[in-house]
Amino acid sequence: MGKGHAWVLGATGQIGRAAVRALVADGWTVTAASRGGVRDDRWGEEVRTAALDRDEDGALAAALGDGCDVLVDMVAYGGQHARQLTDLADRIGSAVVVSSGAVYEDDRGRSFDTQEEPDGSPCYPVPIPESQPTVRPGEATYGTRKIRLEQDLLEAGDTLPVTLLRAGAIHGPYCRSPRELYFVKRALDRRARRVLAYGGRSRFHPLHAANAAELIRLAALRPGSRVLNAADPQAPTVAEIGAAVDAVLGWETETVLMPGDASPDGVGLSPWGAPHPIVYDMTAAERELGYRPVTGYAESLPESVEWITAQLAGRDWKDAYPAMVWAYGTGLFDYAAEDAWLERYDRTV
């Protein structure tokens, strides 16, 4: 017997594709909605698709029709989207909404939003529980808009049960800004050495799309109003990630460790670069949902590396991954600066 009708918003994104497959396998009738209404070639014909721009007035309400048993929202952001969902509470049995670990702040009020300021890098407890303080809600930054979304949805808990998943660093196929690119491209370019700031100890807890989909599947089965962290079973260091990528590609790289911050021209900086670890406590998800991860970082890495490599084939990395340029700038692979730094380093050792 089927479990009901699941509506997935943002279905052709990285997590959305995996979530649709997980829900179908679990017995749900699924409508996969996205801007283009595209069908993933790994979905069966039983998956319904819908083309939808949720920001068009009335578009979501019209597409939703008589409603659904659970609405899974990958792309909700800010108060506007929270109101959009709560206004449709009479047609939605429950919701599962992807939020972000970027909402946390440390005991000195530092967060992801303050990292560019002097002494702005947050120092969180390890691991970070859901009870950790969060940034103030607002519309100014990614973190403040995500916490506005969370708070507005939780206030409607009596009419719309919602599970909010505070995601870690998402990885896997279809990622628009894969942090692993930092190592994959260097290996493909046959770079013999790399430089890592903070002694290569930086940790930013990853979340594979398949593990996110498993959390979504479990939350759909257990409606309720709650906030849960969402992360993999392991939180490897950046040095461990580099070694793991090399192993997948059959390449060996010498890693030169910088004890502190990256150089002024960015040598040593990676997409994981942070002076303090960011690791999420998964106890609540295990207790409340019975969550058990379906994959680990090392096990999932070959598929991710294959995906990144395929996207790079015959293309400039900036064309293949424009979101990486937006996030980290064009200097991510400034080999000239790196070689100059290494030359100076070699003269001192």
C-alpha atoms as a PDB file:
ATOM      1  CA  MET A   1       0.000   0.000   0.000  1.00  0.00           C
ATOM      2  CA  GLY A   2       1.341   3.428  -0.949  1.00  0.00           C
ATOM      3  CA  LYS A   3       2.319   5.929   1.700  1.00  0.00           C
ATOM      4  CA  GLY A   4       0.654   8.917   0.024  1.00  0.00           C
ATOM      5  CA  HIS A   5       1.531  11.779  -2.264  1.00  0.00           C
ATOM      6  CA  ALA A   6       4.896  13.533  -1.851  1.00  0.00           C
ATOM      7  CA  TRP A   7       5.590  16.832  -3.590  1.00  0.00           C
ATOM      8  CA  VAL A   8       9.275  17.698  -4.078  1.00  0.00           C
ATOM      9  CA  LEU A   9      10.206  21.323  -4.785  1.00  0.00           C
ATOM     10  CA  GLY A  10      13.645  21.757  -6.349  1.00  0.00           C
ATOM     11  CA  ALA A  11      13.553  18.171  -7.572  1.00  0.00           C
ATOM     12  CA  THR A  12      16.333  18.490 -10.155  1.00  0.00           C
ATOM     13  CA  GLY A  13      18.868  19.868  -7.703  1.00  0.00           C
ATOM     14  CA  GLN A  14      21.527  17.739  -6.103  1.00  0.00           C
ATOM     15  CA  ILE A  15      19.502  16.584  -3.091  1.00  0.00           C
ATOM     16  CA  GLY A  16      16.186  16.696  -4.937  1.00  0.00           C
ATOM     17  CA  ARG A  17      17.175  14.011  -7.443  1.00  0.00           C
ATOM     18  CA  ALA A  18      18.203  11.646  -4.661  1.00  0.00           C
ATOM     19  CA  ALA A  19      15.151  12.476  -2.539  1.00  0.00           C
ATOM     20  CA  VAL A  20      12.742  11.644  -5.370  1.00  0.00           C
ATOM     21  CA  ARG A  21      14.379   8.239  -5.834  1.00  0.00           C
ATOM     22  CA  ALA A  22      14.320   7.524  -2.093  1.00  0.00           C
ATOM     23  CA  LEU A  23      10.651   8.472  -1.717  1.00  0.00           C
ATOM     24  CA  VAL A  24       9.566   6.406  -4.732  1.00  0.00           C
ATOM     25  CA  ALA A  25      11.499   3.392  -3.437  1.00  0.00           C
ATOM     26  CA  ASP A  26       9.710   3.825  -0.097  1.00  0.00           C
ATOM     27  CA  GLY A  27       6.283   3.652  -1.699  1.00  0.00           C
ATOM     28  CA  TRP A  28       5.300   7.299  -2.154  1.00  0.00           C
ATOM     29  CA  THR A  29       3.603   8.706  -5.224  1.00  0.00           C
ATOM     30  CA  VAL A  30       5.927  11.567  -6.145  1.00  0.00           C
ATOM     31  CA  THR A  31       5.517  14.809  -8.051  1.00  0.00           C
ATOM     32  CA  ALA A  32       8.922  16.282  -8.923  1.00  0.00           C
ATOM     33  CA  ALA A  33       8.692  20.038  -9.426  1.00  0.00           C
ATOM     34  CA  SER A  34      11.421  22.283 -10.823  1.00  0.00           C
ATOM     35  CA  ARG A  35      11.716  25.407 -12.947  1.00  0.00           C
ATOM     36  CA  GLY A  36      12.194  23.419 -16.122  1.00  0.00           C
ATOM     37  CA  GLY A  37      10.095  20.400 -15.207  1.00  0.00           C
ATOM     38  CA  VAL A  38      13.012  18.204 -16.269  1.00  0.00           C
ATOM     39  CA  ARG A  39      12.946  14.429 -15.699  1.00  0.00           C
ATOM     40  CA  ASP A  40      16.019  12.771 -14.240  1.00  0.00           C
ATOM     41  CA  ASP A  41      16.908   9.729 -16.361  1.00  0.00           C
ATOM     42  CA  ARG A  42      17.148   7.617 -13.190  1.00  0.00           C
ATOM     43  CA  TRP A  43      13.518   8.253 -12.217  1.00  0.00           C
ATOM     44  CA  GLY A  44      10.902   5.772 -13.286  1.00  0.00           C
ATOM     45  CA  GLU A  45       7.909   6.718 -15.392  1.00  0.00           C
ATOM     46  CA  GLU A  46       5.756   6.671 -12.271  1.00  0.00           C
ATOM     47  CA  VAL A  47       7.312   9.986 -11.179  1.00  0.00           C
ATOM     48  CA  ARG A  48       5.153  12.923 -12.194  1.00  0.00           C
ATOM     49  CA  THR A  49       6.949  16.118 -13.194  1.00  0.00           C
ATOM     50  CA  ALA A  50       5.832  19.730 -12.987  1.00  0.00           C
ATOM     51  CA  ALA A  51       7.394  22.935 -14.338  1.00  0.00           C
ATOM     52  CA  LEU A  52       7.126  25.605 -11.657  1.00  0.00           C
ATOM     53  CA  ASP A  53       8.629  28.961 -10.732  1.00  0.00           C
ATOM     54  CA  ARG A  54       7.614  29.222  -7.103  1.00  0.00           C
ATOM     55  CA  ASP A  55       8.273  32.973  -7.072  1.00  0.00           C
ATOM     56  CA  GLU A  56       5.494  33.667  -9.544  1.00  0.00           C
ATOM     57  CA  ASP A  57       2.386  34.827  -7.694  1.00  0.00           C
ATOM     58  CA  GLY A  58       0.029  31.916  -7.135  1.00  0.00           C
ATOM     59  CA  ALA A  59       2.141  29.439  -9.106  1.00  0.00           C
ATOM     60  CA  LEU A  60       2.785  27.002  -6.261  1.00  0.00           C
ATOM     61  CA  ALA A  61      -0.815  27.085  -5.088  1.00  0.00           C
ATOM     62  CA  ALA A  62      -2.081  26.384  -8.596  1.00  0.00           C
ATOM     63  CA  ALA A  63       0.398  23.557  -9.200  1.00  0.00           C
ATOM     64  CA  LEU A  64      -0.290  21.950  -5.836  1.00  0.00           C
ATOM     65  CA  GLY A  65      -3.975  21.576  -6.636  1.00  0.00           C
ATOM     66  CA  ASP A  66      -5.785  19.571  -3.970  1.00  0.00           C
ATOM     67  CA  GLY A  67      -2.567  19.252  -2.011  1.00  0.00           C
ATOM     68  CA  CYS A  68      -0.199  16.542  -0.829  1.00  0.00           C
ATOM     69  CA  ASP A  69       0.591  14.431   2.183  1.00  0.00           C
ATOM     70  CA  VAL A  70       4.135  15.736   2.474  1.00  0.00           C
ATOM     71  CA  LEU A  71       5.879  18.624   0.751  1.00  0.00           C
ATOM     72  CA  VAL A  72       9.670  18.438   0.533  1.00  0.00           C
ATOM     73  CA  ASP A  73      11.283  21.825  -0.111  1.00  0.00           C
ATOM     74  CA  MET A  74      14.940  21.985  -1.171  1.00  0.00           C
ATOM     75  CA  VAL A  75      14.999  25.656  -2.090  1.00  0.00           C
ATOM     76  CA  ALA A  76      13.015  27.558   0.567  1.00  0.00           C
ATOM     77  CA  TYR A  77      14.756  30.739   1.618  1.00  0.00           C
ATOM     78  CA  GLY A  78      13.616  33.608   3.830  1.00  0.00           C
ATOM     79  CA  GLY A  79      10.299  34.838   5.137  1.00  0.00           C
ATOM     80  CA  GLN A  80       8.615  34.993   1.747  1.00  0.00           C
ATOM     81  CA  HIS A  81       8.925  31.255   1.168  1.00  0.00           C
ATOM     82  CA  ALA A  82       7.892  30.509   4.749  1.00  0.00           C
ATOM     83  CA  ARG A  83       4.666  32.467   4.202  1.00  0.00           C
ATOM     84  CA  GLN A  84       4.145  30.689   0.917  1.00  0.00           C
ATOM     85  CA  LEU A  85       4.142  27.321   2.690  1.00  0.00           C
ATOM     86  CA  THR A  86       2.134  28.367   5.737  1.00  0.00           C
ATOM     87  CA  ASP A  87      -0.538  29.948   3.508  1.00  0.00           C
ATOM     88  CA  LEU A  88      -1.008  26.479   1.989  1.00  0.00           C
ATOM     89  CA  ALA A  89      -1.021  24.628   5.305  1.00  0.00           C
ATOM     90  CA  ASP A  90      -4.578  23.423   4.734  1.00  0.00           C
ATOM     91  CA  ARG A  91      -3.365  21.526   1.657  1.00  0.00           C
ATOM     92  CA  ILE A  92      -0.071  20.168   3.026  1.00  0.00           C
ATOM     93  CA  GLY A  93      -0.078  17.298   5.509  1.00  0.00           C
ATOM     94  CA  SER A  94       3.478  17.972   6.675  1.00  0.00           C
ATOM     95  CA  ALA A  95       6.686  19.469   5.310  1.00  0.00           C
ATOM     96  CA  VAL A  96      10.385  18.664   5.226  1.00  0.00           C
ATOM     97  CA  VAL A  97      12.500  21.741   4.497  1.00  0.00           C
ATOM     98  CA  VAL A  98      16.241  21.948   3.900  1.00  0.00           C
ATOM     99  CA  SER A  99      17.926  24.630   5.990  1.00  0.00           C
ATOM    100  CA  SER A 100      21.638  25.095   6.709  1.00  0.00           C
ATOM    101  CA  GLY A 101      24.259  24.782   9.417  1.00  0.00           C
ATOM    102  CA  ALA A 102      25.167  28.359   8.485  1.00  0.00           C
ATOM    103  CA  VAL A 103      22.512  29.531  10.965  1.00  0.00           C
ATOM    104  CA  TYR A 104      24.711  28.763  13.987  1.00  0.00           C
ATOM    105  CA  GLU A 105      26.794  31.317  15.849  1.00  0.00           C
ATOM    106  CA  ASP A 106      29.361  30.721  18.558  1.00  0.00           C
ATOM    107  CA  ASP A 107      29.293  31.990  22.129  1.00  0.00           C
ATOM    108  CA  ARG A 108      30.903  35.264  21.018  1.00  0.00           C
ATOM    109  CA  GLY A 109      28.311  35.900  18.318  1.00  0.00           C
ATOM    110  CA  ARG A 110      30.584  34.869  15.438  1.00  0.00           C
ATOM    111  CA  SER A 111      29.143  32.925  12.518  1.00  0.00           C
ATOM    112  CA  PHE A 112      29.670  32.151   8.837  1.00  0.00           C
ATOM    113  CA  ASP A 113      28.660  35.764   8.186  1.00  0.00           C
ATOM    114  CA  THR A 114      31.559  37.190  10.197  1.00  0.00           C
ATOM    115  CA  GLN A 115      34.440  35.128   8.826  1.00  0.00           C
ATOM    116  CA  GLU A 116      35.805  37.947   6.670  1.00  0.00           C
ATOM    117  CA  GLU A 117      36.110  40.247   9.698  1.00  0.00           C
ATOM    118  CA  PRO A 118      39.212  40.372  11.964  1.00  0.00           C
ATOM    119  CA  ASP A 119      39.006  37.439  14.381  1.00  0.00           C
ATOM    120  CA  GLY A 120      35.698  36.629  12.719  1.00  0.00           C
ATOM    121  CA  SER A 121      36.037  32.850  12.360  1.00  0.00           C
ATOM    122  CA  PRO A 122      33.530  31.115  14.624  1.00  0.00           C
ATOM    123  CA  CYS A 123      34.717  28.617  17.213  1.00  0.00           C
ATOM    124  CA  TYR A 124      31.868  26.168  17.750  1.00  0.00           C
ATOM    125  CA  PRO A 125      31.621  23.326  20.255  1.00  0.00           C
ATOM    126  CA  VAL A 126      32.468  19.926  18.783  1.00  0.00           C
ATOM    127  CA  PRO A 127      30.069  18.529  17.837  1.00  0.00           C
ATOM    128  CA  ILE A 128      27.509  21.328  17.389  1.00  0.00           C
ATOM    129  CA  PRO A 129      24.095  20.463  18.887  1.00  0.00           C
ATOM    130  CA  GLU A 130      20.813  21.896  17.602  1.00  0.00           C
ATOM    131  CA  SER A 131      20.601  23.883  20.867  1.00  0.00           C
ATOM    132  CA  GLN A 132      23.611  26.005  19.836  1.00  0.00           C
ATOM    133  CA  PRO A 133      22.691  29.732  19.511  1.00  0.00           C
ATOM    134  CA  THR A 134      21.801  30.958  16.031  1.00  0.00           C
ATOM    135  CA  VAL A 135      22.131  34.251  14.186  1.00  0.00           C
ATOM    136  CA  ARG A 136      19.315  36.752  14.382  1.00  0.00           C
ATOM    137  CA  PRO A 137      16.660  36.379  11.685  1.00  0.00           C
ATOM    138  CA  GLY A 138      16.680  38.885   8.846  1.00  0.00           C
ATOM    139  CA  GLU A 139      16.979  39.284   5.104  1.00  0.00           C
ATOM    140  CA  ALA A 140      20.604  40.449   4.836  1.00  0.00           C
ATOM    141  CA  THR A 141      22.602  37.202   4.511  1.00  0.00           C
ATOM    142  CA  TYR A 142      22.199  33.536   3.722  1.00  0.00           C
ATOM    143  CA  GLY A 143      22.309  32.574   7.400  1.00  0.00           C
ATOM    144  CA  THR A 144      19.884  35.255   8.592  1.00  0.00           C
ATOM    145  CA  ARG A 145      17.397  34.397   5.859  1.00  0.00           C
ATOM    146  CA  LYS A 146      17.578  30.681   6.636  1.00  0.00           C
ATOM    147  CA  ILE A 147      16.887  31.283  10.341  1.00  0.00           C
ATOM    148  CA  ARG A 148      13.991  33.584   9.397  1.00  0.00           C
ATOM    149  CA  LEU A 149      12.602  30.716   7.338  1.00  0.00           C
ATOM    150  CA  GLU A 150      13.052  28.297  10.243  1.00  0.00           C
ATOM    151  CA  GLN A 151      11.440  30.479  12.873  1.00  0.00           C
ATOM    152  CA  ASP A 152       8.459  31.460  10.740  1.00  0.00           C
ATOM    153  CA  LEU A 153       7.768  27.835   9.847  1.00  0.00           C
ATOM    154  CA  LEU A 154       8.122  26.591  13.418  1.00  0.00           C
ATOM    155  CA  GLU A 155       5.651  29.224  14.608  1.00  0.00           C
ATOM    156  CA  ALA A 156       3.101  27.574  12.305  1.00  0.00           C
ATOM    157  CA  GLY A 157       3.724  24.156  13.829  1.00  0.00           C
ATOM    158  CA  ASP A 158       0.123  23.756  14.990  1.00  0.00           C
ATOM    159  CA  THR A 159      -1.147  23.932  11.409  1.00  0.00           C
ATOM    160  CA  LEU A 160       1.897  22.701   9.464  1.00  0.00           C
ATOM    161  CA  PRO A 161       4.239  20.145  11.062  1.00  0.00           C
ATOM    162  CA  VAL A 162       7.697  20.803   9.595  1.00  0.00           C
ATOM    163  CA  THR A 163      11.063  19.097   9.915  1.00  0.00           C
ATOM    164  CA  LEU A 164      13.934  21.510   9.220  1.00  0.00           C
ATOM    165  CA  LEU A 165      17.237  19.910   8.244  1.00  0.00           C
ATOM    166  CA  ARG A 166      20.351  21.982   8.949  1.00  0.00           C
ATOM    167  CA  ALA A 167      22.594  20.677   6.200  1.00  0.00           C
ATOM    168  CA  GLY A 168      26.353  20.414   6.309  1.00  0.00           C
ATOM    169  CA  ALA A 169      28.678  20.780   3.297  1.00  0.00           C
ATOM    170  CA  ILE A 170      26.676  19.000   0.596  1.00  0.00           C
ATOM    171  CA  HIS A 171      28.584  16.741  -1.798  1.00  0.00           C
ATOM    172  CA  GLY A 172      28.014  14.132  -4.463  1.00  0.00           C
ATOM    173  CA  PRO A 173      27.024  14.126  -8.156  1.00  0.00           C
ATOM    174  CA  TYR A 174      25.201  17.168  -9.567  1.00  0.00           C
ATOM    175  CA  CYS A 175      26.850  19.507  -7.050  1.00  0.00           C
ATOM    176  CA  ARG A 176      27.198  22.983  -8.582  1.00  0.00           C
ATOM    177  CA  SER A 177      30.084  23.942  -6.303  1.00  0.00           C
ATOM    178  CA  PRO A 178      31.942  20.748  -5.378  1.00  0.00           C
ATOM    179  CA  ARG A 179      34.667  21.437  -2.847  1.00  0.00           C
ATOM    180  CA  GLU A 180      36.455  18.312  -4.082  1.00  0.00           C
ATOM    181  CA  LEU A 181      37.205  20.199  -7.308  1.00  0.00           C
ATOM    182  CA  TYR A 182      40.097  21.804  -5.401  1.00  0.00           C
ATOM    183  CA  PHE A 183      41.885  18.449  -5.309  1.00  0.00           C
ATOM    184  CA  VAL A 184      40.475  16.802  -8.434  1.00  0.00           C
ATOM    185  CA  LYS A 185      41.702  19.540 -10.760  1.00  0.00           C
ATOM    186  CA  ARG A 186      45.143  19.604  -9.158  1.00  0.00           C
ATOM    187  CA  ALA A 187      45.480  15.857  -9.647  1.00  0.00           C
ATOM    188  CA  LEU A 188      44.277  16.071 -13.255  1.00  0.00           C
ATOM    189  CA  ASP A 189      46.789  18.891 -13.830  1.00  0.00           C
ATOM    190  CA  ARG A 190      49.485  16.631 -12.350  1.00  0.00           C
ATOM    191  CA  ARG A 191      50.452  19.052  -9.610  1.00  0.00           C
ATOM    192  CA  ALA A 192      53.126  17.366  -7.501  1.00  0.00           C
ATOM    193  CA  ARG A 193      52.617  19.533  -4.406  1.00  0.00           C
ATOM    194  CA  ARG A 194      49.823  21.364  -2.656  1.00  0.00           C
ATOM    195  CA  VAL A 195      49.696  23.773   0.248  1.00  0.00           C
ATOM    196  CA  LEU A 196      47.093  23.631   3.014  1.00  0.00           C
ATOM    197  CA  ALA A 197      46.568  26.292   5.633  1.00  0.00           C
ATOM    198  CA  TYR A 198      45.781  25.588   9.307  1.00  0.00           C
ATOM    199  CA  GLY A 199      48.028  22.534   9.240  1.00  0.00           C
ATOM    200  CA  GLY A 200      45.552  20.682   7.027  1.00  0.00           C
ATOM    201  CA  ARG A 201      43.343  20.138  10.095  1.00  0.00           C
ATOM    202  CA  SER A 202      40.295  22.109   8.886  1.00  0.00           C
ATOM    203  CA  ARG A 203      37.044  20.145   9.107  1.00  0.00           C
ATOM    204  CA  PHE A 204      33.722  21.167   7.588  1.00  0.00           C
ATOM    205  CA  HIS A 205      31.240  18.339   8.167  1.00  0.00           C
ATOM    206  CA  PRO A 206      30.018  17.001   4.801  1.00  0.00           C
ATOM    207  CA  LEU A 207      26.552  15.737   3.840  1.00  0.00           C
ATOM    208  CA  HIS A 208      26.179  13.381   0.889  1.00  0.00           C
ATOM    209  CA  ALA A 209      22.997  13.835  -1.137  1.00  0.00           C
ATOM    210  CA  ALA A 210      22.035  10.213  -0.446  1.00  0.00           C
ATOM    211  CA  ASN A 211      22.250  10.759   3.310  1.00  0.00           C
ATOM    212  CA  ALA A 212      20.163  13.914   2.951  1.00  0.00           C
ATOM    213  CA  ALA A 213      17.592  11.886   1.015  1.00  0.00           C
ATOM    214  CA  GLU A 214      17.514   9.288   3.780  1.00  0.00           C
ATOM    215  CA  LEU A 215      16.813  11.979   6.378  1.00  0.00           C
ATOM    216  CA  ILE A 216      14.034  13.331   4.159  1.00  0.00           C
ATOM    217  CA  ARG A 217      12.538   9.858   3.725  1.00  0.00           C
ATOM    218  CA  LEU A 218      12.510   9.255   7.467  1.00  0.00           C
ATOM    219  CA  ALA A 219      11.097  12.697   8.288  1.00  0.00           C
ATOM    220  CA  ALA A 220       8.292  12.175   5.757  1.00  0.00           C
ATOM    221  CA  LEU A 221       7.285   9.044   7.679  1.00  0.00           C
ATOM    222  CA  ARG A 222       7.354  10.816  11.057  1.00  0.00           C
ATOM    223  CA  PRO A 223       5.673  14.234  10.737  1.00  0.00           C
ATOM    224  CA  GLY A 224       6.515  16.712  13.475  1.00  0.00           C
ATOM    225  CA  SER A 225       7.872  20.193  14.156  1.00  0.00           C
ATOM    226  CA  ARG A 226      11.593  19.916  14.811  1.00  0.00           C
ATOM    227  CA  VAL A 227      15.064  21.116  13.827  1.00  0.00           C
ATOM    228  CA  LEU A 228      17.709  18.491  13.081  1.00  0.00           C
ATOM    229  CA  ASN A 229      21.299  18.562  11.934  1.00  0.00           C
ATOM    230  CA  ALA A 230      22.028  16.767   8.663  1.00  0.00           C
ATOM    231  CA  ALA A 231      25.503  15.331   8.081  1.00  0.00           C
ATOM    232  CA  ASP A 232      27.562  12.281   7.148  1.00  0.00           C
ATOM    233  CA  PRO A 233      28.904   9.779   9.698  1.00  0.00           C
ATOM    234  CA  GLN A 234      32.435  11.190   9.303  1.00  0.00           C
ATOM    235  CA  ALA A 235      33.917  14.677   9.254  1.00  0.00           C
ATOM    236  CA  PRO A 236      37.363  14.186   7.640  1.00  0.00           C
ATOM    237  CA  THR A 237      40.064  16.831   7.734  1.00  0.00           C
ATOM    238  CA  VAL A 238      40.968  18.663   4.559  1.00  0.00           C
ATOM    239  CA  ALA A 239      44.291  16.781   4.449  1.00  0.00           C
ATOM    240  CA  GLU A 240      42.431  13.465   4.670  1.00  0.00           C
ATOM    241  CA  ILE A 241      40.097  14.533   1.869  1.00  0.00           C
ATOM    242  CA  GLY A 242      43.038  15.457  -0.352  1.00  0.00           C
ATOM    243  CA  ALA A 243      44.654  12.071   0.226  1.00  0.00           C
ATOM    244  CA  ALA A 244      41.354  10.293  -0.480  1.00  0.00           C
ATOM    245  CA  VAL A 245      40.853  12.137  -3.786  1.00  0.00           C
ATOM    246  CA  ASP A 246      44.419  11.302  -4.809  1.00  0.00           C
ATOM    247  CA  ALA A 247      43.764   7.634  -4.060  1.00  0.00           C
ATOM    248  CA  VAL A 248      40.644   7.611  -6.261  1.00  0.00           C
ATOM    249  CA  LEU A 249      42.575   9.174  -9.146  1.00  0.00           C
ATOM    250  CA  GLY A 250      45.720   7.097  -8.654  1.00  0.00           C
ATOM    251  CA  TRP A 251      47.851  10.179  -8.032  1.00  0.00           C
ATOM    252  CA  GLU A 252      50.250  11.051  -5.216  1.00  0.00           C
ATOM    253  CA  THR A 253      50.723  14.614  -4.020  1.00  0.00           C
ATOM    254  CA  GLU A 254      53.131  15.997  -1.452  1.00  0.00           C
ATOM    255  CA  THR A 255      51.203  18.132   1.029  1.00  0.00           C
ATOM    256  CA  VAL A 256      52.956  21.154   2.503  1.00  0.00           C
ATOM    257  CA  LEU A 257      51.269  22.302   5.691  1.00  0.00           C
ATOM    258  CA  MET A 258      51.026  25.942   6.699  1.00  0.00           C
ATOM    259  CA  PRO A 259      50.612  26.220  10.479  1.00  0.00           C
ATOM    260  CA  GLY A 260      48.239  29.175  10.340  1.00  0.00           C
ATOM    261  CA  ASP A 261      46.185  31.263   7.952  1.00  0.00           C
ATOM    262  CA  ALA A 262      46.579  31.257   4.180  1.00  0.00           C
ATOM    263  CA  SER A 263      48.985  33.701   2.550  1.00  0.00           C
ATOM    264  CA  PRO A 264      47.684  37.160   1.574  1.00  0.00           C
ATOM    265  CA  ASP A 265      47.407  36.037  -2.062  1.00  0.00           C
ATOM    266  CA  GLY A 266      45.369  32.960  -1.089  1.00  0.00           C
ATOM    267  CA  VAL A 267      47.990  30.224  -1.191  1.00  0.00           C
ATOM    268  CA  GLY A 268      46.907  27.472   1.172  1.00  0.00           C
ATOM    269  CA  LEU A 269      43.261  28.446   1.174  1.00  0.00           C
ATOM    270  CA  SER A 270      40.831  25.679   0.262  1.00  0.00           C
ATOM    271  CA  PRO A 271      37.023  25.420   0.256  1.00  0.00           C
ATOM    272  CA  TRP A 272      37.317  23.719   3.654  1.00  0.00           C
ATOM    273  CA  GLY A 273      39.713  26.306   5.081  1.00  0.00           C
ATOM    274  CA  ALA A 274      38.805  27.324   8.628  1.00  0.00           C
ATOM    275  CA  PRO A 275      40.880  27.621  11.787  1.00  0.00           C
ATOM    276  CA  HIS A 276      38.289  25.791  13.892  1.00  0.00           C
ATOM    277  CA  PRO A 277      36.396  22.561  13.158  1.00  0.00           C
ATOM    278  CA  ILE A 278      32.747  22.607  12.077  1.00  0.00           C
ATOM    279  CA  VAL A 279      31.234  19.275  13.082  1.00  0.00           C
ATOM    280  CA  TYR A 280      27.522  18.621  13.618  1.00  0.00           C
ATOM    281  CA  ASP A 281      25.991  16.453  16.342  1.00  0.00           C
ATOM    282  CA  MET A 282      23.728  13.834  14.736  1.00  0.00           C
ATOM    283  CA  THR A 283      22.358  12.374  17.978  1.00  0.00           C
ATOM    284  CA  ALA A 284      18.927  14.021  17.646  1.00  0.00           C
ATOM    285  CA  ALA A 285      18.345  12.697  14.111  1.00  0.00           C
ATOM    286  CA  GLU A 286      19.317   9.216  15.246  1.00  0.00           C
ATOM    287  CA  ARG A 287      16.986   9.418  18.240  1.00  0.00           C
ATOM    288  CA  GLU A 288      13.964  11.105  16.644  1.00  0.00           C
ATOM    289  CA  LEU A 289      14.044   9.570  13.161  1.00  0.00           C
ATOM    290  CA  GLY A 290      16.067   6.408  13.600  1.00  0.00           C
ATOM    291  CA  TYR A 291      18.574   7.866  11.114  1.00  0.00           C
ATOM    292  CA  ARG A 292      21.397   5.654   9.936  1.00  0.00           C
ATOM    293  CA  PRO A 293      23.558   7.021   7.107  1.00  0.00           C
ATOM    294  CA  VAL A 294      23.448   5.100   3.853  1.00  0.00           C
ATOM    295  CA  THR A 295      26.982   6.039   2.820  1.00  0.00           C
ATOM    296  CA  GLY A 296      30.173   7.523   4.190  1.00  0.00           C
ATOM    297  CA  TYR A 297      32.520  10.110   2.761  1.00  0.00           C
ATOM    298  CA  ALA A 298      35.239   7.754   1.509  1.00  0.00           C
ATOM    299  CA  GLU A 299      32.748   5.234   0.097  1.00  0.00           C
ATOM    300  CA  SER A 300      30.893   7.904  -1.874  1.00  0.00           C
ATOM    301  CA  LEU A 301      33.970   9.702  -3.173  1.00  0.00           C
ATOM    302  CA  PRO A 302      34.666   7.689  -6.381  1.00  0.00           C
ATOM    303  CA  GLU A 303      31.249   8.593  -7.836  1.00  0.00           C
ATOM    304  CA  SER A 304      31.757  12.261  -6.927  1.00  0.00           C
ATOM    305  CA  VAL A 305      35.213  12.374  -8.477  1.00  0.00           C
ATOM    306  CA  GLU A 306      33.919  10.699 -11.637  1.00  0.00           C
ATOM    307  CA  TRP A 307      31.160  13.302 -11.897  1.00  0.00           C
ATOM    308  CA  ILE A 308      33.548  16.246 -11.424  1.00  0.00           C
ATOM    309  CA  THR A 309      36.024  14.827 -13.911  1.00  0.00           C
ATOM    310  CA  ALA A 310      33.293  14.381 -16.525  1.00  0.00           C
ATOM    311  CA  GLN A 311      32.160  17.991 -16.114  1.00  0.00           C
ATOM    312  CA  LEU A 312      35.733  19.229 -16.581  1.00  0.00           C
ATOM    313  CA  ALA A 313      36.371  17.242 -19.762  1.00  0.00           C
ATOM    314  CA  GLY A 314      37.334  19.690 -22.511  1.00  0.00           C
ATOM    315  CA  ARG A 315      36.171  22.715 -20.493  1.00  0.00           C
ATOM    316  CA  ASP A 316      37.707  25.479 -18.441  1.00  0.00           C
ATOM    317  CA  TRP A 317      36.888  24.927 -14.770  1.00  0.00           C
ATOM    318  CA  LYS A 318      35.305  28.378 -14.567  1.00  0.00           C
ATOM    319  CA  ASP A 319      32.847  27.439 -17.318  1.00  0.00           C
ATOM    320  CA  ALA A 320      32.114  24.047 -15.797  1.00  0.00           C
ATOM    321  CA  TYR A 321      31.576  25.416 -12.307  1.00  0.00           C
ATOM    322  CA  PRO A 322      30.612  29.103 -12.313  1.00  0.00           C
ATOM    323  CA  ALA A 323      29.230  28.752  -8.788  1.00  0.00           C
ATOM    324  CA  MET A 324      32.757  27.956  -7.590  1.00  0.00           C
ATOM    325  CA  VAL A 325      34.003  31.194  -9.123  1.00  0.00           C
ATOM    326  CA  TRP A 326      31.241  33.093  -7.339  1.00  0.00           C
ATOM    327  CA  ALA A 327      32.033  31.416  -4.020  1.00  0.00           C
ATOM    328  CA  TYR A 328      35.843  31.368  -4.075  1.00  0.00           C
ATOM    329  CA  GLY A 329      37.021  33.661  -6.864  1.00  0.00           C
ATOM    330  CA  THR A 330      39.188  32.953  -9.866  1.00  0.00           C
ATOM    331  CA  GLY A 331      42.351  32.488  -7.799  1.00  0.00           C
ATOM    332  CA  LEU A 332      41.452  29.016  -6.551  1.00  0.00           C
ATOM    333  CA  PHE A 333      43.980  27.529  -8.985  1.00  0.00           C
ATOM    334  CA  ASP A 334      46.598  30.279  -9.063  1.00  0.00           C
ATOM    335  CA  TYR A 335      49.506  27.940  -9.643  1.00  0.00           C
ATOM    336  CA  ALA A 336      51.969  30.772 -10.256  1.00  0.00           C
ATOM    337  CA  ALA A 337      51.357  32.191  -6.794  1.00  0.00           C
ATOM    338  CA  GLU A 338      51.519  28.701  -5.315  1.00  0.00           C
ATOM    339  CA  ASP A 339      54.834  27.932  -7.024  1.00  0.00           C
ATOM    340  CA  ALA A 340      56.320  31.249  -5.898  1.00  0.00           C
ATOM    341  CA  TRP A 341      55.285  30.530  -2.312  1.00  0.00           C
ATOM    342  CA  LEU A 342      56.748  27.011  -2.495  1.00  0.00           C
ATOM    343  CA  GLU A 343      60.012  28.368  -3.865  1.00  0.00           C
ATOM    344  CA  ARG A 344      60.305  30.696  -0.876  1.00  0.00           C
ATOM    345  CA  TYR A 345      59.296  27.885   1.459  1.00  0.00           C
ATOM    346  CA  ASP A 346      61.984  25.541   0.060  1.00  0.00           C
ATOM    347  CA  ARG A 347      64.651  28.132   0.779  1.00  0.00           C
ATOM    348  CA  THR A 348      63.714  28.181   4.472  1.00  0.00           C
ATOM    349  CA  VAL A 349      63.635  24.459   5.171  1.00  0.00           C
END
